[in-house]
Amino acid sequence: MMADPVLAKPSGPCCLNGTIHRGEATGKFATVAGVETYVGTPKKPNGHILLYFPDVWGMFPNGLLIMDGFADAGYLVLGIDYFRGVNSHS
């Protein structure tokens, strides 16, 4: 079986499907190295850290809830607002 030589392909229909998460974000914002960062703290830590890099929409509610889901799975989540609020829709 030959490996596909194309690393990245144009987005397809699967990229446009998503889920809107409902609820209130439970993490907290803190300043880490001078950058506003969303911190999702797990109740039962699994010893792993997940760095979350938001897309061009910034730190929007659905993204915060996604980070909370990873925290619920045991990860310490750091969501770095590297756009520095410029594209934030929260």
PDB file of N, CA and C in Angstrom:
ATOM      1  N   MET A   1       0.844  -1.170   0.000  1.00  0.00           N
ATOM      2  CA  MET A   1       0.000   0.000   0.000  1.00  0.00           C
ATOM      3  C   MET A   1       0.895   1.241   0.000  1.00  0.00           C
ATOM      4  N   MET A   2       0.653   2.151  -0.939  1.00  0.00           N
ATOM      5  CA  MET A   2       1.457   3.364  -1.054  1.00  0.00           C
ATOM      6  C   MET A   2       0.881   4.469  -0.167  1.00  0.00           C
ATOM      7  N   ALA A   3       1.754   5.131   0.554  1.00  0.00           N
ATOM      8  CA  ALA A   3       1.314   6.241   1.406  1.00  0.00           C
ATOM      9  C   ALA A   3       0.912   7.429   0.530  1.00  0.00           C
ATOM     10  N   ASP A   4      -0.064   8.175   0.977  1.00  0.00           N
ATOM     11  CA  ASP A   4      -0.509   9.370   0.251  1.00  0.00           C
ATOM     12  C   ASP A   4       0.590  10.424   0.358  1.00  0.00           C
ATOM     13  N   PRO A   5       1.133  10.911  -0.778  1.00  0.00           N
ATOM     14  CA  PRO A   5       2.238  11.868  -0.736  1.00  0.00           C
ATOM     15  C   PRO A   5       1.812  13.285  -0.330  1.00  0.00           C
ATOM     16  N   VAL A   6       0.508  13.529  -0.222  1.00  0.00           N
ATOM     17  CA  VAL A   6       0.028  14.870   0.110  1.00  0.00           C
ATOM     18  C   VAL A   6      -0.201  14.955   1.611  1.00  0.00           C
ATOM     19  N   LEU A   7       0.514  15.861   2.259  1.00  0.00           N
ATOM     20  CA  LEU A   7       0.387  16.012   3.702  1.00  0.00           C
ATOM     21  C   LEU A   7      -0.902  16.736   4.079  1.00  0.00           C
ATOM     22  N   ALA A   8      -1.211  17.816   3.393  1.00  0.00           N
ATOM     23  CA  ALA A   8      -2.405  18.597   3.711  1.00  0.00           C
ATOM     24  C   ALA A   8      -3.223  18.770   2.439  1.00  0.00           C
ATOM     25  N   LYS A   9      -4.489  18.483   2.548  1.00  0.00           N
ATOM     26  CA  LYS A   9      -5.390  18.600   1.415  1.00  0.00           C
ATOM     27  C   LYS A   9      -6.386  19.725   1.678  1.00  0.00           C
ATOM     28  N   PRO A  10      -7.077  20.174   0.633  1.00  0.00           N
ATOM     29  CA  PRO A  10      -8.113  21.193   0.845  1.00  0.00           C
ATOM     30  C   PRO A  10      -9.174  20.674   1.809  1.00  0.00           C
ATOM     31  N   SER A  11      -9.791  21.573   2.529  1.00  0.00           N
ATOM     32  CA  SER A  11     -10.826  21.154   3.472  1.00  0.00           C
ATOM     33  C   SER A  11     -12.009  20.579   2.698  1.00  0.00           C
ATOM     34  N   GLY A  12     -12.656  19.622   3.294  1.00  0.00           N
ATOM     35  CA  GLY A  12     -13.811  18.972   2.698  1.00  0.00           C
ATOM     36  C   GLY A  12     -15.030  19.123   3.582  1.00  0.00           C
ATOM     37  N   PRO A  13     -16.116  18.478   3.234  1.00  0.00           N
ATOM     38  CA  PRO A  13     -17.354  18.592   4.011  1.00  0.00           C
ATOM     39  C   PRO A  13     -17.187  18.227   5.488  1.00  0.00           C
ATOM     40  N   CYS A  14     -16.290  17.281   5.773  1.00  0.00           N
ATOM     41  CA  CYS A  14     -16.103  16.879   7.166  1.00  0.00           C
ATOM     42  C   CYS A  14     -15.564  18.025   8.019  1.00  0.00           C
ATOM     43  N   CYS A  15     -14.854  18.956   7.399  1.00  0.00           N
ATOM     44  CA  CYS A  15     -14.282  20.083   8.143  1.00  0.00           C
ATOM     45  C   CYS A  15     -15.336  21.117   8.510  1.00  0.00           C
ATOM     46  N   LEU A  16     -16.451  21.074   7.839  1.00  0.00           N
ATOM     47  CA  LEU A  16     -17.494  22.073   8.073  1.00  0.00           C
ATOM     48  C   LEU A  16     -18.546  21.591   9.056  1.00  0.00           C
ATOM     49  N   ASN A  17     -18.507  20.319   9.412  1.00  0.00           N
ATOM     50  CA  ASN A  17     -19.432  19.788  10.404  1.00  0.00           C
ATOM     51  C   ASN A  17     -18.826  19.989  11.781  1.00  0.00           C
ATOM     52  N   GLY A  18     -19.655  20.318  12.714  1.00  0.00           N
ATOM     53  CA  GLY A  18     -19.146  20.520  14.064  1.00  0.00           C
ATOM     54  C   GLY A  18     -20.249  20.348  15.077  1.00  0.00           C
ATOM     55  N   THR A  19     -19.910  20.586  16.294  1.00  0.00           N
ATOM     56  CA  THR A  19     -20.862  20.494  17.385  1.00  0.00           C
ATOM     57  C   THR A  19     -20.795  21.771  18.190  1.00  0.00           C
ATOM     58  N   ILE A  20     -21.941  22.323  18.478  1.00  0.00           N
ATOM     59  CA  ILE A  20     -21.999  23.477  19.369  1.00  0.00           C
ATOM     60  C   ILE A  20     -22.197  22.934  20.777  1.00  0.00           C
ATOM     61  N   HIS A  21     -21.263  23.223  21.634  1.00  0.00           N
ATOM     62  CA  HIS A  21     -21.328  22.766  23.016  1.00  0.00           C
ATOM     63  C   HIS A  21     -22.169  23.750  23.827  1.00  0.00           C
ATOM     64  N   ARG A  22     -22.879  23.237  24.787  1.00  0.00           N
ATOM     65  CA  ARG A  22     -23.762  24.065  25.596  1.00  0.00           C
ATOM     66  C   ARG A  22     -23.297  24.036  27.050  1.00  0.00           C
ATOM     67  N   GLY A  23     -23.539  25.140  27.742  1.00  0.00           N
ATOM     68  CA  GLY A  23     -23.192  25.208  29.151  1.00  0.00           C
ATOM     69  C   GLY A  23     -22.357  26.439  29.446  1.00  0.00           C
ATOM     70  N   GLU A  24     -21.905  26.522  30.653  1.00  0.00           N
ATOM     71  CA  GLU A  24     -21.069  27.632  31.099  1.00  0.00           C
ATOM     72  C   GLU A  24     -19.633  27.144  31.262  1.00  0.00           C
ATOM     73  N   ALA A  25     -18.703  27.919  30.781  1.00  0.00           N
ATOM     74  CA  ALA A  25     -17.287  27.572  30.923  1.00  0.00           C
ATOM     75  C   ALA A  25     -16.912  27.554  32.400  1.00  0.00           C
ATOM     76  N   THR A  26     -16.113  26.580  32.786  1.00  0.00           N
ATOM     77  CA  THR A  26     -15.734  26.439  34.192  1.00  0.00           C
ATOM     78  C   THR A  26     -14.277  26.785  34.467  1.00  0.00           C
ATOM     79  N   GLY A  27     -13.476  26.938  33.407  1.00  0.00           N
ATOM     80  CA  GLY A  27     -12.075  27.303  33.591  1.00  0.00           C
ATOM     81  C   GLY A  27     -11.936  28.770  33.966  1.00  0.00           C
ATOM     82  N   LYS A  28     -10.729  29.189  34.163  1.00  0.00           N
ATOM     83  CA  LYS A  28     -10.439  30.571  34.552  1.00  0.00           C
ATOM     84  C   LYS A  28      -9.364  31.144  33.641  1.00  0.00           C
ATOM     85  N   PHE A  29      -9.407  32.446  33.440  1.00  0.00           N
ATOM     86  CA  PHE A  29      -8.359  33.121  32.687  1.00  0.00           C
ATOM     87  C   PHE A  29      -7.273  33.570  33.651  1.00  0.00           C
ATOM     88  N   ALA A  30      -6.032  33.396  33.226  1.00  0.00           N
ATOM     89  CA  ALA A  30      -4.867  33.827  34.001  1.00  0.00           C
ATOM     90  C   ALA A  30      -3.835  34.354  33.012  1.00  0.00           C
ATOM     91  N   THR A  31      -2.932  35.189  33.491  1.00  0.00           N
ATOM     92  CA  THR A  31      -1.856  35.679  32.638  1.00  0.00           C
ATOM     93  C   THR A  31      -0.652  34.765  32.805  1.00  0.00           C
ATOM     94  N   VAL A  32      -0.218  34.172  31.700  1.00  0.00           N
ATOM     95  CA  VAL A  32       0.935  33.270  31.706  1.00  0.00           C
ATOM     96  C   VAL A  32       1.952  33.852  30.736  1.00  0.00           C
ATOM     97  N   ALA A  33       3.123  34.180  31.234  1.00  0.00           N
ATOM     98  CA  ALA A  33       4.196  34.767  30.420  1.00  0.00           C
ATOM     99  C   ALA A  33       3.694  35.984  29.644  1.00  0.00           C
ATOM    100  N   GLY A  34       2.841  36.770  30.284  1.00  0.00           N
ATOM    101  CA  GLY A  34       2.352  38.003  29.684  1.00  0.00           C
ATOM    102  C   GLY A  34       1.214  37.829  28.689  1.00  0.00           C
ATOM    103  N   VAL A  35       0.689  36.600  28.549  1.00  0.00           N
ATOM    104  CA  VAL A  35      -0.387  36.334  27.590  1.00  0.00           C
ATOM    105  C   VAL A  35      -1.608  35.792  28.334  1.00  0.00           C
ATOM    106  N   GLU A  36      -2.780  36.353  28.030  1.00  0.00           N
ATOM    107  CA  GLU A  36      -4.001  35.845  28.648  1.00  0.00           C
ATOM    108  C   GLU A  36      -4.203  34.397  28.216  1.00  0.00           C
ATOM    109  N   THR A  37      -4.443  33.533  29.192  1.00  0.00           N
ATOM    110  CA  THR A  37      -4.521  32.096  28.954  1.00  0.00           C
ATOM    111  C   THR A  37      -5.703  31.525  29.707  1.00  0.00           C
ATOM    112  N   TYR A  38      -6.491  30.712  29.022  1.00  0.00           N
ATOM    113  CA  TYR A  38      -7.598  30.006  29.667  1.00  0.00           C
ATOM    114  C   TYR A  38      -7.021  28.751  30.296  1.00  0.00           C
ATOM    115  N   VAL A  39      -7.309  28.533  31.576  1.00  0.00           N
ATOM    116  CA  VAL A  39      -6.772  27.389  32.299  1.00  0.00           C
ATOM    117  C   VAL A  39      -7.928  26.488  32.714  1.00  0.00           C
ATOM    118  N   GLY A  40      -7.909  25.267  32.202  1.00  0.00           N
ATOM    119  CA  GLY A  40      -8.878  24.253  32.605  1.00  0.00           C
ATOM    120  C   GLY A  40      -8.185  23.300  33.548  1.00  0.00           C
ATOM    121  N   THR A  41      -8.650  23.271  34.786  1.00  0.00           N
ATOM    122  CA  THR A  41      -8.007  22.446  35.811  1.00  0.00           C
ATOM    123  C   THR A  41      -8.819  21.172  36.029  1.00  0.00           C
ATOM    124  N   PRO A  42      -8.197  20.022  35.872  1.00  0.00           N
ATOM    125  CA  PRO A  42      -8.930  18.756  36.043  1.00  0.00           C
ATOM    126  C   PRO A  42      -9.205  18.459  37.512  1.00  0.00           C
ATOM    127  N   LYS A  43     -10.338  17.812  37.764  1.00  0.00           N
ATOM    128  CA  LYS A  43     -10.650  17.358  39.120  1.00  0.00           C
ATOM    129  C   LYS A  43      -9.839  16.117  39.461  1.00  0.00           C
ATOM    130  N   LYS A  44      -9.610  15.258  38.446  1.00  0.00           N
ATOM    131  CA  LYS A  44      -8.800  14.056  38.622  1.00  0.00           C
ATOM    132  C   LYS A  44      -7.675  14.105  37.581  1.00  0.00           C
ATOM    133  N   PRO A  45      -6.550  14.757  37.913  1.00  0.00           N
ATOM    134  CA  PRO A  45      -5.451  14.911  36.939  1.00  0.00           C
ATOM    135  C   PRO A  45      -4.893  13.574  36.466  1.00  0.00           C
ATOM    136  N   ASN A  46      -4.610  13.503  35.158  1.00  0.00           N
ATOM    137  CA  ASN A  46      -3.992  12.296  34.606  1.00  0.00           C
ATOM    138  C   ASN A  46      -2.487  12.492  34.401  1.00  0.00           C
ATOM    139  N   GLY A  47      -1.973  13.651  34.805  1.00  0.00           N
ATOM    140  CA  GLY A  47      -0.536  13.914  34.690  1.00  0.00           C
ATOM    141  C   GLY A  47      -0.106  14.493  33.358  1.00  0.00           C
ATOM    142  N   HIS A  48      -1.062  14.819  32.487  1.00  0.00           N
ATOM    143  CA  HIS A  48      -0.739  15.344  31.164  1.00  0.00           C
ATOM    144  C   HIS A  48      -1.223  16.783  31.022  1.00  0.00           C
ATOM    145  N   ILE A  49      -0.542  17.521  30.179  1.00  0.00           N
ATOM    146  CA  ILE A  49      -0.909  18.908  29.885  1.00  0.00           C
ATOM    147  C   ILE A  49      -1.275  18.995  28.411  1.00  0.00           C
ATOM    148  N   LEU A  50      -2.342  19.717  28.120  1.00  0.00           N
ATOM    149  CA  LEU A  50      -2.770  19.922  26.742  1.00  0.00           C
ATOM    150  C   LEU A  50      -2.696  21.408  26.439  1.00  0.00           C
ATOM    151  N   LEU A  51      -1.965  21.765  25.391  1.00  0.00           N
ATOM    152  CA  LEU A  51      -1.904  23.156  24.936  1.00  0.00           C
ATOM    153  C   LEU A  51      -2.950  23.325  23.841  1.00  0.00           C
ATOM    154  N   TYR A  52      -3.857  24.251  24.033  1.00  0.00           N
ATOM    155  CA  TYR A  52      -4.946  24.493  23.082  1.00  0.00           C
ATOM    156  C   TYR A  52      -4.666  25.804  22.361  1.00  0.00           C
ATOM    157  N   PHE A  53      -4.588  25.729  21.050  1.00  0.00           N
ATOM    158  CA  PHE A  53      -4.363  26.922  20.238  1.00  0.00           C
ATOM    159  C   PHE A  53      -5.644  27.218  19.472  1.00  0.00           C
ATOM    160  N   PRO A  54      -6.334  28.298  19.819  1.00  0.00           N
ATOM    161  CA  PRO A  54      -7.602  28.594  19.145  1.00  0.00           C
ATOM    162  C   PRO A  54      -7.395  28.942  17.684  1.00  0.00           C
ATOM    163  N   ASP A  55      -8.475  28.803  16.930  1.00  0.00           N
ATOM    164  CA  ASP A  55      -8.415  29.164  15.513  1.00  0.00           C
ATOM    165  C   ASP A  55      -8.594  30.675  15.370  1.00  0.00           C
ATOM    166  N   VAL A  56      -8.880  31.122  14.172  1.00  0.00           N
ATOM    167  CA  VAL A  56      -8.970  32.563  13.909  1.00  0.00           C
ATOM    168  C   VAL A  56     -10.112  33.248  14.649  1.00  0.00           C
ATOM    169  N   TRP A  57     -11.050  32.488  15.186  1.00  0.00           N
ATOM    170  CA  TRP A  57     -12.167  33.096  15.927  1.00  0.00           C
ATOM    171  C   TRP A  57     -11.756  33.464  17.343  1.00  0.00           C
ATOM    172  N   GLY A  58     -10.626  33.003  17.789  1.00  0.00           N
ATOM    173  CA  GLY A  58     -10.144  33.373  19.118  1.00  0.00           C
ATOM    174  C   GLY A  58     -10.782  32.561  20.231  1.00  0.00           C
ATOM    175  N   MET A  59     -10.899  33.176  21.381  1.00  0.00           N
ATOM    176  CA  MET A  59     -11.381  32.497  22.587  1.00  0.00           C
ATOM    177  C   MET A  59     -12.906  32.630  22.684  1.00  0.00           C
ATOM    178  N   PHE A  60     -13.614  31.851  21.882  1.00  0.00           N
ATOM    179  CA  PHE A  60     -15.066  31.932  21.852  1.00  0.00           C
ATOM    180  C   PHE A  60     -15.661  30.865  22.763  1.00  0.00           C
ATOM    181  N   PRO A  61     -16.941  31.001  23.168  1.00  0.00           N
ATOM    182  CA  PRO A  61     -17.525  30.077  24.153  1.00  0.00           C
ATOM    183  C   PRO A  61     -17.404  28.601  23.788  1.00  0.00           C
ATOM    184  N   ASN A  62     -17.618  28.225  22.532  1.00  0.00           N
ATOM    185  CA  ASN A  62     -17.534  26.820  22.162  1.00  0.00           C
ATOM    186  C   ASN A  62     -16.123  26.279  22.421  1.00  0.00           C
ATOM    187  N   GLY A  63     -15.097  27.063  22.110  1.00  0.00           N
ATOM    188  CA  GLY A  63     -13.725  26.648  22.367  1.00  0.00           C
ATOM    189  C   GLY A  63     -13.438  26.468  23.849  1.00  0.00           C
ATOM    190  N   LEU A  64     -13.994  27.363  24.666  1.00  0.00           N
ATOM    191  CA  LEU A  64     -13.805  27.237  26.114  1.00  0.00           C
ATOM    192  C   LEU A  64     -14.420  25.936  26.626  1.00  0.00           C
ATOM    193  N   LEU A  65     -15.591  25.600  26.100  1.00  0.00           N
ATOM    194  CA  LEU A  65     -16.253  24.365  26.527  1.00  0.00           C
ATOM    195  C   LEU A  65     -15.504  23.125  26.035  1.00  0.00           C
ATOM    196  N   ILE A  66     -14.882  23.211  24.874  1.00  0.00           N
ATOM    197  CA  ILE A  66     -14.046  22.112  24.400  1.00  0.00           C
ATOM    198  C   ILE A  66     -12.869  21.915  25.353  1.00  0.00           C
ATOM    199  N   MET A  67     -12.237  23.019  25.754  1.00  0.00           N
ATOM    200  CA  MET A  67     -11.124  22.917  26.713  1.00  0.00           C
ATOM    201  C   MET A  67     -11.599  22.332  28.029  1.00  0.00           C
ATOM    202  N   ASP A  68     -12.791  22.734  28.480  1.00  0.00           N
ATOM    203  CA  ASP A  68     -13.345  22.166  29.712  1.00  0.00           C
ATOM    204  C   ASP A  68     -13.543  20.655  29.586  1.00  0.00           C
ATOM    205  N   GLY A  69     -13.933  20.196  28.382  1.00  0.00           N
ATOM    206  CA  GLY A  69     -14.095  18.760  28.162  1.00  0.00           C
ATOM    207  C   GLY A  69     -12.783  18.009  28.327  1.00  0.00           C
ATOM    208  N   PHE A  70     -11.695  18.580  27.824  1.00  0.00           N
ATOM    209  CA  PHE A  70     -10.382  17.958  28.014  1.00  0.00           C
ATOM    210  C   PHE A  70      -9.995  17.970  29.496  1.00  0.00           C
ATOM    211  N   ALA A  71     -10.308  19.054  30.200  1.00  0.00           N
ATOM    212  CA  ALA A  71     -10.017  19.105  31.637  1.00  0.00           C
ATOM    213  C   ALA A  71     -10.829  18.030  32.373  1.00  0.00           C
ATOM    214  N   ASP A  72     -12.089  17.835  31.967  1.00  0.00           N
ATOM    215  CA  ASP A  72     -12.918  16.781  32.576  1.00  0.00           C
ATOM    216  C   ASP A  72     -12.314  15.395  32.336  1.00  0.00           C
ATOM    217  N   ALA A  73     -11.543  15.246  31.248  1.00  0.00           N
ATOM    218  CA  ALA A  73     -10.886  13.977  30.940  1.00  0.00           C
ATOM    219  C   ALA A  73      -9.544  13.834  31.663  1.00  0.00           C
ATOM    220  N   GLY A  74      -9.177  14.826  32.477  1.00  0.00           N
ATOM    221  CA  GLY A  74      -7.973  14.714  33.300  1.00  0.00           C
ATOM    222  C   GLY A  74      -6.797  15.564  32.889  1.00  0.00           C
ATOM    223  N   TYR A  75      -6.911  16.286  31.777  1.00  0.00           N
ATOM    224  CA  TYR A  75      -5.799  17.102  31.302  1.00  0.00           C
ATOM    225  C   TYR A  75      -5.802  18.486  31.936  1.00  0.00           C
ATOM    226  N   LEU A  76      -4.624  18.974  32.275  1.00  0.00           N
ATOM    227  CA  LEU A  76      -4.468  20.383  32.606  1.00  0.00           C
ATOM    228  C   LEU A  76      -4.421  21.087  31.258  1.00  0.00           C
ATOM    229  N   VAL A  77      -5.361  21.995  30.994  1.00  0.00           N
ATOM    230  CA  VAL A  77      -5.477  22.627  29.683  1.00  0.00           C
ATOM    231  C   VAL A  77      -5.048  24.085  29.771  1.00  0.00           C
ATOM    232  N   LEU A  78      -4.158  24.473  28.869  1.00  0.00           N
ATOM    233  CA  LEU A  78      -3.738  25.863  28.755  1.00  0.00           C
ATOM    234  C   LEU A  78      -4.135  26.347  27.366  1.00  0.00           C
ATOM    235  N   GLY A  79      -5.110  27.239  27.311  1.00  0.00           N
ATOM    236  CA  GLY A  79      -5.581  27.804  26.050  1.00  0.00           C
ATOM    237  C   GLY A  79      -4.985  29.185  25.881  1.00  0.00           C
ATOM    238  N   ILE A  80      -3.974  29.289  25.071  1.00  0.00           N
ATOM    239  CA  ILE A  80      -3.198  30.518  24.937  1.00  0.00           C
ATOM    240  C   ILE A  80      -3.850  31.446  23.910  1.00  0.00           C
ATOM    241  N   ASP A  81      -4.196  32.651  24.339  1.00  0.00           N
ATOM    242  CA  ASP A  81      -4.817  33.627  23.437  1.00  0.00           C
ATOM    243  C   ASP A  81      -3.717  34.365  22.686  1.00  0.00           C
ATOM    244  N   TYR A  82      -3.087  33.656  21.749  1.00  0.00           N
ATOM    245  CA  TYR A  82      -1.963  34.251  21.030  1.00  0.00           C
ATOM    246  C   TYR A  82      -2.399  35.330  20.049  1.00  0.00           C
ATOM    247  N   PHE A  83      -3.715  35.454  19.796  1.00  0.00           N
ATOM    248  CA  PHE A  83      -4.208  36.588  19.007  1.00  0.00           C
ATOM    249  C   PHE A  83      -4.401  37.827  19.885  1.00  0.00           C
ATOM    250  N   ARG A  84      -4.229  37.626  21.195  1.00  0.00           N
ATOM    251  CA  ARG A  84      -4.320  38.700  22.194  1.00  0.00           C
ATOM    252  C   ARG A  84      -5.640  39.453  22.119  1.00  0.00           C
ATOM    253  N   GLY A  85      -6.739  38.688  21.993  1.00  0.00           N
ATOM    254  CA  GLY A  85      -8.075  39.247  22.032  1.00  0.00           C
ATOM    255  C   GLY A  85      -8.534  39.921  20.745  1.00  0.00           C
ATOM    256  N   VAL A  86      -7.681  40.011  19.759  1.00  0.00           N
ATOM    257  CA  VAL A  86      -8.032  40.714  18.532  1.00  0.00           C
ATOM    258  C   VAL A  86      -9.212  40.079  17.831  1.00  0.00           C
ATOM    259  N   ASN A  87      -9.278  38.738  17.789  1.00  0.00           N
ATOM    260  CA  ASN A  87     -10.359  38.050  17.101  1.00  0.00           C
ATOM    261  C   ASN A  87     -11.331  37.399  18.064  1.00  0.00           C
ATOM    262  N   SER A  88     -11.295  37.766  19.331  1.00  0.00           N
ATOM    263  CA  SER A  88     -12.134  37.123  20.329  1.00  0.00           C
ATOM    264  C   SER A  88     -13.606  37.474  20.125  1.00  0.00           C
ATOM    265  N   HIS A  89     -14.434  36.451  20.182  1.00  0.00           N
ATOM    266  CA  HIS A  89     -15.888  36.620  20.063  1.00  0.00           C
ATOM    267  C   HIS A  89     -16.578  36.215  21.338  1.00  0.00           C
ATOM    268  N   SER A  90     -15.879  36.156  22.455  1.00  0.00           N
ATOM    269  CA  SER A  90     -16.516  35.725  23.702  1.00  0.00           C
ATOM    270  C   SER A  90     -17.148  36.884  24.426  1.00  0.00           C
TER     271      SER A  90
END
